[in-house]
Amino acid sequence: MNTPLEIHPKEAKSTLSNSSVIWIDIREDEEWDYGHLAGVQHIPMSRMTPEYFSRFPKEQKMIIVCRSGGRSMRVTHSLRNLGFIHAQSLAGGMIGMNTLLEKPIPVLMH
């Protein structure tokens, strides 16, 4: 079964405590500093390289996060092209995720 390109925040939230799923927030430093999910790796899209991902096995489950889902979808497409068949974009990004959190995380809106 093919892994969908996007994952809904409700489904994604259940994987936050799953160590076999890597969450990567690709927002820029200013956005990250404003607010982010605990335990999520941070690599700004502007500094992202294929070499960064070479440390992960191609079958690694990854959830890519940005503010609203646009940038994360572009990165997810790139990762799929590199062979990461289980990379997924968080649908709606942090804005979408905040609809499910008891205490929403601040999201820089610029």
Protein backbone atom coordinates (compact mmCIF):
# COMPACT_ATOMS: atom_id res chain seq x y z
CA MET A 1 0.00 0.00 0.00
CA ASN A 2 1.32 3.43 -0.92
CA THR A 3 1.78 5.99 1.84
CA PRO A 4 -0.36 9.08 1.12
CA LEU A 5 1.54 12.33 0.47
CA GLU A 6 -0.36 14.09 3.24
CA ILE A 7 -1.30 13.06 6.75
CA HIS A 8 -4.23 14.61 8.61
CA PRO A 9 -3.32 16.31 11.91
CA LYS A 10 -5.56 13.93 13.89
CA GLU A 11 -3.72 10.88 12.56
CA ALA A 12 -0.34 12.61 12.83
CA LYS A 13 -0.90 13.66 16.45
CA SER A 14 -1.07 10.02 17.48
CA THR A 15 2.50 9.52 16.20
CA LEU A 16 4.11 12.32 18.23
CA SER A 17 5.21 9.91 20.95
CA ASN A 18 6.18 7.16 18.48
CA SER A 19 9.98 7.06 18.25
CA SER A 20 9.84 5.27 14.90
CA VAL A 21 8.33 8.38 13.26
CA ILE A 22 10.61 11.35 12.61
CA TRP A 23 8.94 14.76 12.69
CA ILE A 24 10.85 17.53 10.89
CA ASP A 25 9.79 21.16 11.15
CA ILE A 26 11.08 23.03 8.10
CA ARG A 27 9.98 26.51 9.14
CA GLU A 28 12.65 29.19 9.35
CA ASP A 29 14.35 30.05 12.66
CA GLU A 30 12.09 33.00 13.45
CA GLU A 31 8.98 30.85 12.98
CA TRP A 32 10.46 27.99 15.02
CA ASP A 33 11.46 30.32 17.86
CA TYR A 34 7.94 31.72 17.97
CA GLY A 35 6.51 28.27 18.78
CA HIS A 36 6.98 24.60 17.91
CA LEU A 37 6.02 21.08 18.90
CA ALA A 38 8.21 19.47 21.56
CA GLY A 39 10.46 16.67 20.34
CA VAL A 40 10.34 17.70 16.68
CA GLN A 41 13.59 18.08 14.73
CA HIS A 42 14.21 21.47 13.15
CA ILE A 43 15.89 21.98 9.79
CA PRO A 44 14.85 25.18 8.01
CA MET A 45 13.88 24.69 4.40
CA SER A 46 16.44 27.32 3.38
CA ARG A 47 19.26 25.16 4.80
CA MET A 48 17.92 21.78 3.74
CA THR A 49 20.11 19.54 1.59
CA PRO A 50 19.81 15.94 0.37
CA GLU A 51 22.87 15.18 2.53
CA TYR A 52 20.88 16.01 5.67
CA PHE A 53 18.51 13.16 4.87
CA SER A 54 21.25 10.66 3.95
CA ARG A 55 21.45 9.59 7.60
CA PHE A 56 17.91 8.19 7.45
CA PRO A 57 16.96 4.88 5.83
CA LYS A 58 14.79 5.30 2.72
CA GLU A 59 11.92 3.48 4.45
CA GLN A 60 11.95 5.91 7.43
CA LYS A 61 8.50 7.26 8.30
CA MET A 62 8.74 11.10 8.29
CA ILE A 63 6.22 13.84 8.88
CA ILE A 64 7.26 17.19 7.43
CA VAL A 65 5.81 20.31 9.08
CA CYS A 66 5.56 23.97 8.09
CA ARG A 67 3.12 26.78 8.92
CA SER A 68 0.23 25.85 6.63
CA GLY A 69 1.29 22.84 4.54
CA GLY A 70 2.58 24.40 1.32
CA ARG A 71 6.31 24.24 1.97
CA SER A 72 6.06 20.85 3.63
CA MET A 73 4.31 19.45 0.55
CA ARG A 74 7.15 20.72 -1.70
CA VAL A 75 9.74 19.11 0.59
CA THR A 76 7.73 15.89 0.75
CA HIS A 77 7.66 15.71 -3.05
CA SER A 78 11.45 16.20 -3.09
CA LEU A 79 11.94 13.50 -0.47
CA ARG A 80 9.75 11.08 -2.43
CA ASN A 81 11.90 11.81 -5.50
CA LEU A 82 14.96 10.92 -3.39
CA GLY A 83 13.36 7.58 -2.53
CA PHE A 84 11.82 8.31 0.89
CA ILE A 85 8.58 6.46 0.20
CA HIS A 86 7.02 7.14 3.62
CA ALA A 87 7.62 10.90 3.81
CA GLN A 88 4.38 12.79 4.43
CA SER A 89 3.37 16.43 4.66
CA LEU A 90 1.29 17.49 7.65
CA ALA A 91 -1.98 18.69 6.06
CA GLY A 92 -2.64 22.26 7.16
CA GLY A 93 0.75 22.50 8.88
CA MET A 94 1.00 23.94 12.38
CA ILE A 95 -2.20 25.90 11.83
CA GLY A 96 -4.07 22.64 11.23
CA MET A 97 -2.34 20.88 14.12
CA ASN A 98 -3.33 23.66 16.50
CA THR A 99 -7.00 22.84 15.98
CA LEU A 100 -6.38 19.57 17.86
CA LEU A 101 -4.15 20.76 20.67
CA GLU A 102 -5.52 21.58 24.10
CA LYS A 103 -3.00 24.41 24.35
CA PRO A 104 -2.32 25.75 20.80
CA ILE A 105 1.26 26.56 19.88
CA PRO A 106 1.88 30.13 18.70
CA VAL A 107 2.33 30.31 14.94
CA LEU A 108 4.00 33.34 13.37
CA MET A 109 1.60 34.76 10.80
CA HIS A 110 3.49 36.92 8.32
